[in-house]
């Protein structure tokens, strides 16, 4: 019985981690789209400064990749902390003695 509960707890923790990572990736993508739209004038100013479109694209791509990596690491850390706390809480609930009613 305890093995089944432990397996269900582990599965629930993995699902929650997957949901939190997915939500974080969507949030990062939205932030990147909004920041790129807001920087349109700044990126357009690079053209008269002698930058090619490919160079501008590389800069934007590198910034986006860096932001995505940092956000993924932070999200994984936050998700792992949430899972650890949930496991601890569920373990206490499952192993707690039943109170007489």
Protein backbone atom coordinates (compact mmCIF):
# COMPACT_ATOMS: atom_id res chain seq x y z
CA UNK A 1 0.00 0.00 0.00
CA UNK A 2 2.78 2.43 0.89
CA UNK A 3 4.56 1.61 -2.38
CA UNK A 4 1.49 2.54 -4.37
CA UNK A 5 1.13 5.82 -2.47
CA UNK A 6 4.82 6.59 -2.95
CA UNK A 7 4.52 5.92 -6.68
CA UNK A 8 1.44 8.14 -6.96
CA UNK A 9 3.19 10.89 -5.02
CA UNK A 10 6.23 10.70 -7.31
CA UNK A 11 4.01 10.80 -10.40
CA UNK A 12 2.09 13.80 -9.06
CA UNK A 13 5.35 15.60 -8.32
CA UNK A 14 6.59 15.01 -11.88
CA UNK A 15 3.32 16.27 -13.36
CA UNK A 16 3.48 19.41 -11.24
CA UNK A 17 7.08 20.00 -12.28
CA UNK A 18 6.13 19.59 -15.94
CA UNK A 19 3.28 22.06 -15.60
CA UNK A 20 5.50 24.62 -13.88
CA UNK A 21 8.24 24.28 -16.51
CA UNK A 22 5.70 24.59 -19.32
CA UNK A 23 4.15 27.68 -17.76
CA UNK A 24 7.60 29.21 -17.27
CA UNK A 25 8.53 28.62 -20.91
CA UNK A 26 5.31 30.26 -22.08
CA UNK A 27 6.00 33.23 -19.80
CA UNK A 28 9.55 33.58 -21.10
CA UNK A 29 8.37 33.43 -24.72
CA UNK A 30 5.77 36.12 -24.04
CA UNK A 31 8.35 38.33 -22.34
CA UNK A 32 10.77 37.96 -25.24
CA UNK A 33 8.10 38.83 -27.81
CA UNK A 34 7.05 41.90 -25.84
CA UNK A 35 10.62 43.10 -25.34
CA UNK A 36 11.46 42.63 -29.02
CA UNK A 37 8.39 44.62 -30.02
CA UNK A 38 9.38 47.39 -27.60
CA UNK A 39 12.93 47.51 -28.95
CA UNK A 40 11.94 47.98 -32.57
CA UNK A 41 13.31 51.55 -32.74
CA UNK A 42 16.53 50.55 -31.00
CA UNK A 43 17.08 47.68 -33.43
CA UNK A 44 16.24 49.94 -36.37
CA UNK A 45 18.92 52.37 -35.21
CA UNK A 46 21.56 49.67 -35.67
CA UNK A 47 21.05 49.72 -39.45
CA UNK A 48 22.41 53.25 -40.03
CA UNK A 49 25.22 52.46 -37.59
CA UNK A 50 26.55 49.89 -40.06
CA UNK A 51 25.05 46.68 -38.68
CA UNK A 52 23.73 44.12 -41.13
CA UNK A 53 20.39 42.41 -40.65
CA UNK A 54 22.19 39.15 -39.93
CA UNK A 55 24.28 40.77 -37.20
CA UNK A 56 21.16 42.29 -35.64
CA UNK A 57 19.42 38.92 -35.81
CA UNK A 58 22.39 37.25 -34.10
CA UNK A 59 22.36 39.79 -31.27
CA UNK A 60 18.62 39.37 -30.69
CA UNK A 61 18.91 35.59 -30.90
CA UNK A 62 21.79 35.50 -28.41
CA UNK A 63 19.88 37.71 -25.98
CA UNK A 64 16.80 35.52 -26.31
CA UNK A 65 18.78 32.33 -25.77
CA UNK A 66 20.50 33.75 -22.70
CA UNK A 67 17.20 34.91 -21.21
CA UNK A 68 15.59 31.52 -21.92
CA UNK A 69 18.44 29.59 -20.30
CA UNK A 70 18.42 31.77 -17.19
CA UNK A 71 14.63 31.55 -16.91
CA UNK A 72 14.69 27.76 -17.35
CA UNK A 73 17.28 27.36 -14.59
CA UNK A 74 15.29 29.58 -12.23
CA UNK A 75 12.05 27.77 -13.09
CA UNK A 76 13.62 24.36 -12.53
CA UNK A 77 14.96 25.49 -9.17
CA UNK A 78 11.58 26.87 -8.14
CA UNK A 79 9.80 23.77 -9.37
CA UNK A 80 12.20 21.50 -7.50
CA UNK A 81 11.64 23.48 -4.31
CA UNK A 82 7.87 23.20 -4.70
CA UNK A 83 8.11 19.47 -5.34
CA UNK A 84 10.33 18.97 -2.31
CA UNK A 85 7.86 20.79 -0.08
CA UNK A 86 4.91 18.91 -1.54
CA UNK A 87 6.63 15.56 -1.04
CA UNK A 88 7.43 16.46 2.55
CA UNK A 89 3.85 17.56 3.17
CA UNK A 90 2.35 14.50 1.49
CA UNK A 91 4.70 12.20 3.39
CA UNK A 92 3.59 13.75 6.67
CA UNK A 93 -0.07 13.39 5.70
CA UNK A 94 0.30 9.79 4.53
CA UNK A 95 2.37 8.62 7.49
CA UNK A 96 0.45 10.58 10.12
CA UNK A 97 -1.42 8.37 12.56
CA UNK A 98 -5.17 8.44 12.28
CA UNK A 99 -6.85 10.36 15.06
CA UNK A 100 -9.72 8.63 16.82
CA UNK A 101 -13.10 10.15 16.09
